[in-house]
Amino acid sequence: MAVEVRIPTILRKHTGGSKAVTAEGDTVRDLLGDLDRRYPGIAGQLFNADGSLHRFVNVYVNDEDVRFLGALDAKLDDGDVVAILPAVAGGGGSGGLEPSPPVGRG
């Protein structure tokens, strides 16, 4: 089943600059796996070594956070729209997407 995946600016280097791409999968996990097959390297920016999403990667299905829909096992339907929204900042050396650092009060 075809699902539109909206790609944030920081990940568009993997999709040739495309803001949105099509991928397939019955679940979010399957969809992201297909996305990585189509656009190699993108999964390295989304997942931890254990296969879980990086803490600061948010995924939405039709504007609903997948954490409330079954996480990576959330079911998808033909025509759904999945948005990947990472919180990012420079610095860290983990190779994945990094959270914005807290702002101190001075």
PDB file of N, CA and C in Angstrom:
ATOM      1  N   MET A   1       0.831  -1.181   0.000  1.00  0.00           N
ATOM      2  CA  MET A   1       0.000   0.000   0.000  1.00  0.00           C
ATOM      3  C   MET A   1       0.871   1.238   0.000  1.00  0.00           C
ATOM      4  N   ALA A   2       0.484   2.218  -0.752  1.00  0.00           N
ATOM      5  CA  ALA A   2       1.273   3.438  -0.896  1.00  0.00           C
ATOM      6  C   ALA A   2       0.955   4.425   0.218  1.00  0.00           C
ATOM      7  N   VAL A   3       2.016   4.937   0.832  1.00  0.00           N
ATOM      8  CA  VAL A   3       1.897   5.910   1.909  1.00  0.00           C
ATOM      9  C   VAL A   3       2.825   7.072   1.585  1.00  0.00           C
ATOM     10  N   GLU A   4       2.337   8.287   1.735  1.00  0.00           N
ATOM     11  CA  GLU A   4       3.176   9.466   1.559  1.00  0.00           C
ATOM     12  C   GLU A   4       3.982   9.686   2.833  1.00  0.00           C
ATOM     13  N   VAL A   5       5.273   9.910   2.677  1.00  0.00           N
ATOM     14  CA  VAL A   5       6.150  10.180   3.809  1.00  0.00           C
ATOM     15  C   VAL A   5       6.717  11.580   3.633  1.00  0.00           C
ATOM     16  N   ARG A   6       6.449  12.444   4.582  1.00  0.00           N
ATOM     17  CA  ARG A   6       6.970  13.811   4.532  1.00  0.00           C
ATOM     18  C   ARG A   6       8.337  13.831   5.199  1.00  0.00           C
ATOM     19  N   ILE A   7       9.292  14.354   4.480  1.00  0.00           N
ATOM     20  CA  ILE A   7      10.695  14.305   4.880  1.00  0.00           C
ATOM     21  C   ILE A   7      11.144  15.682   5.369  1.00  0.00           C
ATOM     22  N   PRO A   8      11.713  15.754   6.577  1.00  0.00           N
ATOM     23  CA  PRO A   8      12.207  17.044   7.066  1.00  0.00           C
ATOM     24  C   PRO A   8      13.477  17.459   6.318  1.00  0.00           C
ATOM     25  N   THR A   9      13.757  18.721   6.329  1.00  0.00           N
ATOM     26  CA  THR A   9      14.896  19.264   5.595  1.00  0.00           C
ATOM     27  C   THR A   9      16.192  18.523   5.888  1.00  0.00           C
ATOM     28  N   ILE A  10      16.442  18.203   7.129  1.00  0.00           N
ATOM     29  CA  ILE A  10      17.709  17.570   7.515  1.00  0.00           C
ATOM     30  C   ILE A  10      17.895  16.180   6.897  1.00  0.00           C
ATOM     31  N   LEU A  11      16.821  15.531   6.498  1.00  0.00           N
ATOM     32  CA  LEU A  11      16.921  14.191   5.911  1.00  0.00           C
ATOM     33  C   LEU A  11      16.798  14.188   4.388  1.00  0.00           C
ATOM     34  N   ARG A  12      16.567  15.332   3.795  1.00  0.00           N
ATOM     35  CA  ARG A  12      16.348  15.383   2.344  1.00  0.00           C
ATOM     36  C   ARG A  12      17.586  15.053   1.533  1.00  0.00           C
ATOM     37  N   LYS A  13      18.761  15.077   2.162  1.00  0.00           N
ATOM     38  CA  LYS A  13      19.969  14.671   1.446  1.00  0.00           C
ATOM     39  C   LYS A  13      19.868  13.208   1.026  1.00  0.00           C
ATOM     40  N   HIS A  14      19.066  12.427   1.752  1.00  0.00           N
ATOM     41  CA  HIS A  14      18.882  11.009   1.424  1.00  0.00           C
ATOM     42  C   HIS A  14      17.845  10.804   0.322  1.00  0.00           C
ATOM     43  N   THR A  15      16.954  11.786   0.140  1.00  0.00           N
ATOM     44  CA  THR A  15      15.862  11.634  -0.826  1.00  0.00           C
ATOM     45  C   THR A  15      16.061  12.498  -2.063  1.00  0.00           C
ATOM     46  N   GLY A  16      17.294  12.944  -2.282  1.00  0.00           N
ATOM     47  CA  GLY A  16      17.562  13.780  -3.445  1.00  0.00           C
ATOM     48  C   GLY A  16      16.879  15.132  -3.370  1.00  0.00           C
ATOM     49  N   GLY A  17      16.586  15.585  -2.158  1.00  0.00           N
ATOM     50  CA  GLY A  17      15.960  16.888  -1.962  1.00  0.00           C
ATOM     51  C   GLY A  17      14.441  16.851  -1.911  1.00  0.00           C
ATOM     52  N   SER A  18      13.851  15.689  -2.103  1.00  0.00           N
ATOM     53  CA  SER A  18      12.385  15.595  -2.101  1.00  0.00           C
ATOM     54  C   SER A  18      11.798  15.853  -0.723  1.00  0.00           C
ATOM     55  N   LYS A  19      10.747  16.683  -0.687  1.00  0.00           N
ATOM     56  CA  LYS A  19      10.037  16.995   0.553  1.00  0.00           C
ATOM     57  C   LYS A  19       9.112  15.863   0.973  1.00  0.00           C
ATOM     58  N   ALA A  20       8.632  15.119   0.005  1.00  0.00           N
ATOM     59  CA  ALA A  20       7.730  13.997   0.265  1.00  0.00           C
ATOM     60  C   ALA A  20       8.047  12.884  -0.714  1.00  0.00           C
ATOM     61  N   VAL A  21       7.978  11.659  -0.228  1.00  0.00           N
ATOM     62  CA  VAL A  21       8.237  10.482  -1.050  1.00  0.00           C
ATOM     63  C   VAL A  21       7.156   9.445  -0.757  1.00  0.00           C
ATOM     64  N   THR A  22       7.114   8.429  -1.562  1.00  0.00           N
ATOM     65  CA  THR A  22       6.173   7.336  -1.356  1.00  0.00           C
ATOM     66  C   THR A  22       6.940   6.110  -0.892  1.00  0.00           C
ATOM     67  N   ALA A  23       6.379   5.414   0.080  1.00  0.00           N
ATOM     68  CA  ALA A  23       6.947   4.151   0.543  1.00  0.00           C
ATOM     69  C   ALA A  23       5.769   3.226   0.856  1.00  0.00           C
ATOM     70  N   GLU A  24       6.088   1.968   1.142  1.00  0.00           N
ATOM     71  CA  GLU A  24       5.045   0.983   1.400  1.00  0.00           C
ATOM     72  C   GLU A  24       5.306   0.247   2.696  1.00  0.00           C
ATOM     73  N   GLY A  25       4.219  -0.184   3.339  1.00  0.00           N
ATOM     74  CA  GLY A  25       4.319  -0.976   4.547  1.00  0.00           C
ATOM     75  C   GLY A  25       2.994  -1.061   5.260  1.00  0.00           C
ATOM     76  N   ASP A  26       2.772  -2.190   5.930  1.00  0.00           N
ATOM     77  CA  ASP A  26       1.548  -2.373   6.705  1.00  0.00           C
ATOM     78  C   ASP A  26       1.637  -1.716   8.069  1.00  0.00           C
ATOM     79  N   THR A  27       2.875  -1.499   8.543  1.00  0.00           N
ATOM     80  CA  THR A  27       3.110  -0.849   9.837  1.00  0.00           C
ATOM     81  C   THR A  27       4.150   0.248   9.643  1.00  0.00           C
ATOM     82  N   VAL A  28       4.292   1.099  10.643  1.00  0.00           N
ATOM     83  CA  VAL A  28       5.316   2.147  10.592  1.00  0.00           C
ATOM     84  C   VAL A  28       6.696   1.519  10.455  1.00  0.00           C
ATOM     85  N   ARG A  29       6.952   0.436  11.173  1.00  0.00           N
ATOM     86  CA  ARG A  29       8.248  -0.258  11.087  1.00  0.00           C
ATOM     87  C   ARG A  29       8.520  -0.723   9.649  1.00  0.00           C
ATOM     88  N   ASP A  30       7.519  -1.354   9.024  1.00  0.00           N
ATOM     89  CA  ASP A  30       7.666  -1.816   7.640  1.00  0.00           C
ATOM     90  C   ASP A  30       7.891  -0.640   6.690  1.00  0.00           C
ATOM     91  N   LEU A  31       7.151   0.420   6.897  1.00  0.00           N
ATOM     92  CA  LEU A  31       7.256   1.606   6.063  1.00  0.00           C
ATOM     93  C   LEU A  31       8.657   2.203   6.142  1.00  0.00           C
ATOM     94  N   LEU A  32       9.186   2.360   7.354  1.00  0.00           N
ATOM     95  CA  LEU A  32      10.516   2.942   7.511  1.00  0.00           C
ATOM     96  C   LEU A  32      11.601   2.022   6.950  1.00  0.00           C
ATOM     97  N   GLY A  33      11.375   0.709   7.020  1.00  0.00           N
ATOM     98  CA  GLY A  33      12.296  -0.233   6.393  1.00  0.00           C
ATOM     99  C   GLY A  33      12.291  -0.080   4.878  1.00  0.00           C
ATOM    100  N   ASP A  34      11.102   0.070   4.298  1.00  0.00           N
ATOM    101  CA  ASP A  34      10.997   0.275   2.858  1.00  0.00           C
ATOM    102  C   ASP A  34      11.620   1.615   2.472  1.00  0.00           C
ATOM    103  N   LEU A  35      11.412   2.616   3.291  1.00  0.00           N
ATOM    104  CA  LEU A  35      12.010   3.930   3.044  1.00  0.00           C
ATOM    105  C   LEU A  35      13.526   3.817   2.986  1.00  0.00           C
ATOM    106  N   ASP A  36      14.116   3.045   3.883  1.00  0.00           N
ATOM    107  CA  ASP A  36      15.568   2.879   3.887  1.00  0.00           C
ATOM    108  C   ASP A  36      16.050   2.077   2.681  1.00  0.00           C
ATOM    109  N   ARG A  37      15.262   1.129   2.212  1.00  0.00           N
ATOM    110  CA  ARG A  37      15.636   0.383   1.005  1.00  0.00           C
ATOM    111  C   ARG A  37      15.632   1.312  -0.215  1.00  0.00           C
ATOM    112  N   ARG A  38      14.660   2.213  -0.251  1.00  0.00           N
ATOM    113  CA  ARG A  38      14.552   3.141  -1.377  1.00  0.00           C
ATOM    114  C   ARG A  38      15.575   4.276  -1.281  1.00  0.00           C
ATOM    115  N   TYR A  39      15.878   4.679  -0.053  1.00  0.00           N
ATOM    116  CA  TYR A  39      16.772   5.812   0.201  1.00  0.00           C
ATOM    117  C   TYR A  39      17.803   5.382   1.247  1.00  0.00           C
ATOM    118  N   PRO A  40      18.816   4.614   0.816  1.00  0.00           N
ATOM    119  CA  PRO A  40      19.794   4.054   1.746  1.00  0.00           C
ATOM    120  C   PRO A  40      20.436   5.109   2.656  1.00  0.00           C
ATOM    121  N   GLY A  41      20.552   4.732   3.920  1.00  0.00           N
ATOM    122  CA  GLY A  41      21.187   5.595   4.904  1.00  0.00           C
ATOM    123  C   GLY A  41      20.223   6.379   5.768  1.00  0.00           C
ATOM    124  N   ILE A  42      18.986   6.504   5.333  1.00  0.00           N
ATOM    125  CA  ILE A  42      18.036   7.311   6.102  1.00  0.00           C
ATOM    126  C   ILE A  42      17.721   6.665   7.446  1.00  0.00           C
ATOM    127  N   ALA A  43      17.691   5.338   7.501  1.00  0.00           N
ATOM    128  CA  ALA A  43      17.371   4.650   8.763  1.00  0.00           C
ATOM    129  C   ALA A  43      18.415   4.924   9.827  1.00  0.00           C
ATOM    130  N   GLY A  44      19.664   5.112   9.419  1.00  0.00           N
ATOM    131  CA  GLY A  44      20.718   5.414  10.378  1.00  0.00           C
ATOM    132  C   GLY A  44      20.477   6.712  11.128  1.00  0.00           C
ATOM    133  N   GLN A  45      19.686   7.585  10.544  1.00  0.00           N
ATOM    134  CA  GLN A  45      19.343   8.847  11.191  1.00  0.00           C
ATOM    135  C   GLN A  45      18.105   8.730  12.073  1.00  0.00           C
ATOM    136  N   LEU A  46      17.367   7.637  11.933  1.00  0.00           N
ATOM    137  CA  LEU A  46      16.097   7.480  12.643  1.00  0.00           C
ATOM    138  C   LEU A  46      16.154   6.509  13.806  1.00  0.00           C
ATOM    139  N   PHE A  47      17.013   5.467  13.698  1.00  0.00           N
ATOM    140  CA  PHE A  47      16.983   4.367  14.659  1.00  0.00           C
ATOM    141  C   PHE A  47      18.232   4.271  15.516  1.00  0.00           C
ATOM    142  N   ASN A  48      18.046   3.769  16.730  1.00  0.00           N
ATOM    143  CA  ASN A  48      19.147   3.372  17.600  1.00  0.00           C
ATOM    144  C   ASN A  48      19.650   2.004  17.144  1.00  0.00           C
ATOM    145  N   ALA A  49      20.780   1.580  17.678  1.00  0.00           N
ATOM    146  CA  ALA A  49      21.359   0.280  17.328  1.00  0.00           C
ATOM    147  C   ALA A  49      20.408  -0.877  17.644  1.00  0.00           C
ATOM    148  N   ASP A  50      19.537  -0.706  18.645  1.00  0.00           N
ATOM    149  CA  ASP A  50      18.605  -1.775  19.029  1.00  0.00           C
ATOM    150  C   ASP A  50      17.332  -1.798  18.186  1.00  0.00           C
ATOM    151  N   GLY A  51      17.237  -0.902  17.196  1.00  0.00           N
ATOM    152  CA  GLY A  51      16.074  -0.888  16.312  1.00  0.00           C
ATOM    153  C   GLY A  51      14.941   0.018  16.767  1.00  0.00           C
ATOM    154  N   SER A  52      15.105   0.678  17.899  1.00  0.00           N
ATOM    155  CA  SER A  52      14.077   1.624  18.359  1.00  0.00           C
ATOM    156  C   SER A  52      14.352   2.996  17.744  1.00  0.00           C
ATOM    157  N   LEU A  53      13.314   3.818  17.680  1.00  0.00           N
ATOM    158  CA  LEU A  53      13.508   5.168  17.158  1.00  0.00           C
ATOM    159  C   LEU A  53      14.392   5.969  18.100  1.00  0.00           C
ATOM    160  N   HIS A  54      15.244   6.816  17.522  1.00  0.00           N
ATOM    161  CA  HIS A  54      16.011   7.745  18.352  1.00  0.00           C
ATOM    162  C   HIS A  54      15.020   8.522  19.217  1.00  0.00           C
ATOM    163  N   ARG A  55      15.440   8.854  20.390  1.00  0.00           N
ATOM    164  CA  ARG A  55      14.577   9.535  21.359  1.00  0.00           C
ATOM    165  C   ARG A  55      13.975  10.826  20.813  1.00  0.00           C
ATOM    166  N   PHE A  56      14.711  11.509  19.962  1.00  0.00           N
ATOM    167  CA  PHE A  56      14.258  12.805  19.483  1.00  0.00           C
ATOM    168  C   PHE A  56      13.737  12.779  18.046  1.00  0.00           C
ATOM    169  N   VAL A  57      13.317  11.613  17.602  1.00  0.00           N
ATOM    170  CA  VAL A  57      12.654  11.495  16.309  1.00  0.00           C
ATOM    171  C   VAL A  57      11.179  11.259  16.586  1.00  0.00           C
ATOM    172  N   ASN A  58      10.355  12.139  16.065  1.00  0.00           N
ATOM    173  CA  ASN A  58       8.905  12.012  16.222  1.00  0.00           C
ATOM    174  C   ASN A  58       8.305  11.602  14.891  1.00  0.00           C
ATOM    175  N   VAL A  59       7.405  10.639  14.933  1.00  0.00           N
ATOM    176  CA  VAL A  59       6.737  10.164  13.723  1.00  0.00           C
ATOM    177  C   VAL A  59       5.235  10.296  13.942  1.00  0.00           C
ATOM    178  N   TYR A  60       4.573  10.860  12.943  1.00  0.00           N
ATOM    179  CA  TYR A  60       3.131  11.066  13.005  1.00  0.00           C
ATOM    180  C   TYR A  60       2.460  10.378  11.831  1.00  0.00           C
ATOM    181  N   VAL A  61       1.308   9.767  12.093  1.00  0.00           N
ATOM    182  CA  VAL A  61       0.468   9.192  11.044  1.00  0.00           C
ATOM    183  C   VAL A  61      -0.804  10.010  11.018  1.00  0.00           C
ATOM    184  N   ASN A  62      -1.049  10.685   9.913  1.00  0.00           N
ATOM    185  CA  ASN A  62      -2.225  11.544   9.790  1.00  0.00           C
ATOM    186  C   ASN A  62      -2.352  12.489  10.991  1.00  0.00           C
ATOM    187  N   ASP A  63      -1.250  13.121  11.358  1.00  0.00           N
ATOM    188  CA  ASP A  63      -1.173  14.109  12.445  1.00  0.00           C
ATOM    189  C   ASP A  63      -1.319  13.523  13.844  1.00  0.00           C
ATOM    190  N   GLU A  64      -1.247  12.195  13.983  1.00  0.00           N
ATOM    191  CA  GLU A  64      -1.301  11.574  15.311  1.00  0.00           C
ATOM    192  C   GLU A  64       0.043  10.933  15.621  1.00  0.00           C
ATOM    193  N   ASP A  65       0.562  11.209  16.802  1.00  0.00           N
ATOM    194  CA  ASP A  65       1.851  10.683  17.249  1.00  0.00           C
ATOM    195  C   ASP A  65       1.777   9.163  17.335  1.00  0.00           C
ATOM    196  N   VAL A  66       2.736   8.475  16.695  1.00  0.00           N
ATOM    197  CA  VAL A  66       2.703   7.011  16.687  1.00  0.00           C
ATOM    198  C   VAL A  66       2.873   6.418  18.077  1.00  0.00           C
ATOM    199  N   ARG A  67       3.420   7.180  19.013  1.00  0.00           N
ATOM    200  CA  ARG A  67       3.554   6.662  20.387  1.00  0.00           C
ATOM    201  C   ARG A  67       2.197   6.323  20.985  1.00  0.00           C
ATOM    202  N   PHE A  68       1.139   6.949  20.472  1.00  0.00           N
ATOM    203  CA  PHE A  68      -0.211   6.686  20.971  1.00  0.00           C
ATOM    204  C   PHE A  68      -1.006   5.769  20.054  1.00  0.00           C
ATOM    205  N   LEU A  69      -0.350   5.296  18.986  1.00  0.00           N
ATOM    206  CA  LEU A  69      -1.016   4.429  18.011  1.00  0.00           C
ATOM    207  C   LEU A  69      -0.420   3.027  17.950  1.00  0.00           C
ATOM    208  N   GLY A  70       0.575   2.764  18.794  1.00  0.00           N
ATOM    209  CA  GLY A  70       1.235   1.462  18.759  1.00  0.00           C
ATOM    210  C   GLY A  70       2.701   1.552  18.391  1.00  0.00           C
ATOM    211  N   ALA A  71       3.254   2.765  18.401  1.00  0.00           N
ATOM    212  CA  ALA A  71       4.666   3.008  18.100  1.00  0.00           C
ATOM    213  C   ALA A  71       5.015   2.442  16.716  1.00  0.00           C
ATOM    214  N   LEU A  72       6.112   1.714  16.607  1.00  0.00           N
ATOM    215  CA  LEU A  72       6.539   1.195  15.306  1.00  0.00           C
ATOM    216  C   LEU A  72       5.584   0.143  14.753  1.00  0.00           C
ATOM    217  N   ASP A  73       4.740  -0.419  15.612  1.00  0.00           N
ATOM    218  CA  ASP A  73       3.767  -1.417  15.163  1.00  0.00           C
ATOM    219  C   ASP A  73       2.427  -0.794  14.766  1.00  0.00           C
ATOM    220  N   ALA A  74       2.358   0.544  14.754  1.00  0.00           N
ATOM    221  CA  ALA A  74       1.120   1.222  14.345  1.00  0.00           C
ATOM    222  C   ALA A  74       0.766   0.799  12.918  1.00  0.00           C
ATOM    223  N   LYS A  75      -0.482   0.457  12.715  1.00  0.00           N
ATOM    224  CA  LYS A  75      -0.966   0.014  11.409  1.00  0.00           C
ATOM    225  C   LYS A  75      -1.155   1.199  10.470  1.00  0.00           C
ATOM    226  N   LEU A  76      -0.914   0.953   9.195  1.00  0.00           N
ATOM    227  CA  LEU A  76      -1.078   1.969   8.166  1.00  0.00           C
ATOM    228  C   LEU A  76      -2.118   1.521   7.150  1.00  0.00           C
ATOM    229  N   ASP A  77      -2.772   2.496   6.559  1.00  0.00           N
ATOM    230  CA  ASP A  77      -3.737   2.252   5.493  1.00  0.00           C
ATOM    231  C   ASP A  77      -3.288   2.970   4.235  1.00  0.00           C
ATOM    232  N   ASP A  78      -3.707   2.453   3.091  1.00  0.00           N
ATOM    233  CA  ASP A  78      -3.402   3.075   1.826  1.00  0.00           C
ATOM    234  C   ASP A  78      -3.844   4.539   1.870  1.00  0.00           C
ATOM    235  N   GLY A  79      -2.954   5.429   1.457  1.00  0.00           N
ATOM    236  CA  GLY A  79      -3.288   6.845   1.433  1.00  0.00           C
ATOM    237  C   GLY A  79      -2.942   7.606   2.698  1.00  0.00           C
ATOM    238  N   ASP A  80      -2.463   6.917   3.745  1.00  0.00           N
ATOM    239  CA  ASP A  80      -2.046   7.615   4.966  1.00  0.00           C
ATOM    240  C   ASP A  80      -0.880   8.549   4.645  1.00  0.00           C
ATOM    241  N   VAL A  81      -0.714   9.547   5.516  1.00  0.00           N
ATOM    242  CA  VAL A  81       0.413  10.466   5.412  1.00  0.00           C
ATOM    243  C   VAL A  81       1.231  10.334   6.682  1.00  0.00           C
ATOM    244  N   VAL A  82       2.513  10.012   6.528  1.00  0.00           N
ATOM    245  CA  VAL A  82       3.425   9.871   7.658  1.00  0.00           C
ATOM    246  C   VAL A  82       4.404  11.033   7.609  1.00  0.00           C
ATOM    247  N   ALA A  83       4.552  11.710   8.736  1.00  0.00           N
ATOM    248  CA  ALA A  83       5.506  12.817   8.839  1.00  0.00           C
ATOM    249  C   ALA A  83       6.590  12.455   9.841  1.00  0.00           C
ATOM    250  N   ILE A  84       7.833  12.687   9.458  1.00  0.00           N
ATOM    251  CA  ILE A  84       8.984  12.491  10.346  1.00  0.00           C
ATOM    252  C   ILE A  84       9.420  13.880  10.792  1.00  0.00           C
ATOM    253  N   LEU A  85       9.409  14.103  12.114  1.00  0.00           N
ATOM    254  CA  LEU A  85       9.738  15.427  12.641  1.00  0.00           C
ATOM    255  C   LEU A  85      10.795  15.314  13.726  1.00  0.00           C
ATOM    256  N   PRO A  86      12.064  15.433  13.359  1.00  0.00           N
ATOM    257  CA  PRO A  86      13.124  15.357  14.367  1.00  0.00           C
ATOM    258  C   PRO A  86      13.346  16.697  15.051  1.00  0.00           C
ATOM    259  N   ALA A  87      13.690  16.634  16.335  1.00  0.00           N
ATOM    260  CA  ALA A  87      14.182  17.801  17.049  1.00  0.00           C
ATOM    261  C   ALA A  87      15.690  17.762  16.872  1.00  0.00           C
ATOM    262  N   VAL A  88      16.287  18.821  16.336  1.00  0.00           N
ATOM    263  CA  VAL A  88      17.702  18.774  15.995  1.00  0.00           C
ATOM    264  C   VAL A  88      18.480  19.946  16.569  1.00  0.00           C
ATOM    265  N   ALA A  89      19.772  19.723  16.706  1.00  0.00           N
ATOM    266  CA  ALA A  89      20.727  20.766  17.081  1.00  0.00           C
ATOM    267  C   ALA A  89      22.098  20.290  16.658  1.00  0.00           C
ATOM    268  N   GLY A  90      23.034  21.178  16.576  1.00  0.00           N
ATOM    269  CA  GLY A  90      24.386  20.805  16.194  1.00  0.00           C
ATOM    270  C   GLY A  90      25.142  20.238  17.379  1.00  0.00           C
ATOM    271  N   GLY A  91      26.330  19.757  17.097  1.00  0.00           N
ATOM    272  CA  GLY A  91      27.194  19.345  18.190  1.00  0.00           C
ATOM    273  C   GLY A  91      27.400  17.867  18.293  1.00  0.00           C
ATOM    274  N   GLY A  92      26.565  17.157  19.011  1.00  0.00           N
ATOM    275  CA  GLY A  92      26.747  15.766  19.405  1.00  0.00           C
ATOM    276  C   GLY A  92      27.452  14.893  18.400  1.00  0.00           C
ATOM    277  N   GLY A  93      28.086  13.858  18.890  1.00  0.00           N
ATOM    278  CA  GLY A  93      28.854  12.984  18.029  1.00  0.00           C
ATOM    279  C   GLY A  93      28.244  11.627  17.819  1.00  0.00           C
ATOM    280  N   SER A  94      26.966  11.430  18.111  1.00  0.00           N
ATOM    281  CA  SER A  94      26.372  10.099  18.007  1.00  0.00           C
ATOM    282  C   SER A  94      26.067   9.700  16.571  1.00  0.00           C
ATOM    283  N   GLY A  95      26.071  10.668  15.653  1.00  0.00           N
ATOM    284  CA  GLY A  95      25.774  10.356  14.262  1.00  0.00           C
ATOM    285  C   GLY A  95      24.295  10.386  13.962  1.00  0.00           C
ATOM    286  N   GLY A  96      23.455  10.413  14.980  1.00  0.00           N
ATOM    287  CA  GLY A  96      22.018  10.493  14.770  1.00  0.00           C
ATOM    288  C   GLY A  96      21.539  11.913  14.942  1.00  0.00           C
ATOM    289  N   LEU A  97      20.252  12.082  14.914  1.00  0.00           N
ATOM    290  CA  LEU A  97      19.679  13.396  15.131  1.00  0.00           C
ATOM    291  C   LEU A  97      19.793  13.736  16.616  1.00  0.00           C
ATOM    292  N   GLU A  98      20.091  14.964  16.908  1.00  0.00           N
ATOM    293  CA  GLU A  98      20.340  15.382  18.287  1.00  0.00           C
ATOM    294  C   GLU A  98      19.273  16.345  18.764  1.00  0.00           C
ATOM    295  N   PRO A  99      18.959  16.324  20.069  1.00  0.00           N
ATOM    296  CA  PRO A  99      17.992  17.259  20.625  1.00  0.00           C
ATOM    297  C   PRO A  99      18.592  18.653  20.750  1.00  0.00           C
ATOM    298  N   SER A 100      17.731  19.631  20.793  1.00  0.00           N
ATOM    299  CA  SER A 100      18.185  20.978  21.083  1.00  0.00           C
ATOM    300  C   SER A 100      18.623  21.029  22.534  1.00  0.00           C
ATOM    301  N   PRO A 101      19.764  21.690  22.824  1.00  0.00           N
ATOM    302  CA  PRO A 101      20.204  21.760  24.222  1.00  0.00           C
ATOM    303  C   PRO A 101      19.315  22.688  25.026  1.00  0.00           C
ATOM    304  N   PRO A 102      19.206  22.460  26.333  1.00  0.00           N
ATOM    305  CA  PRO A 102      18.401  23.350  27.148  1.00  0.00           C
ATOM    306  C   PRO A 102      19.039  24.730  27.199  1.00  0.00           C
ATOM    307  N   VAL A 103      18.212  25.737  27.315  1.00  0.00           N
ATOM    308  CA  VAL A 103      18.689  27.103  27.402  1.00  0.00           C
ATOM    309  C   VAL A 103      18.807  27.475  28.863  1.00  0.00           C
ATOM    310  N   GLY A 104      20.003  27.876  29.285  1.00  0.00           N
ATOM    311  CA  GLY A 104      20.218  28.250  30.681  1.00  0.00           C
ATOM    312  C   GLY A 104      19.736  29.652  30.958  1.00  0.00           C
ATOM    313  N   ARG A 105      19.448  29.889  32.181  1.00  0.00           N
ATOM    314  CA  ARG A 105      19.036  31.244  32.592  1.00  0.00           C
ATOM    315  C   ARG A 105      20.240  31.934  33.202  1.00  0.00           C
ATOM    316  N   GLY A 106      20.458  33.137  32.835  1.00  0.00           N
ATOM    317  CA  GLY A 106      21.641  33.783  33.317  1.00  0.00           C
ATOM    318  C   GLY A 106      21.449  35.060  33.971  1.00  0.00           C
TER     319      GLY A 106
END
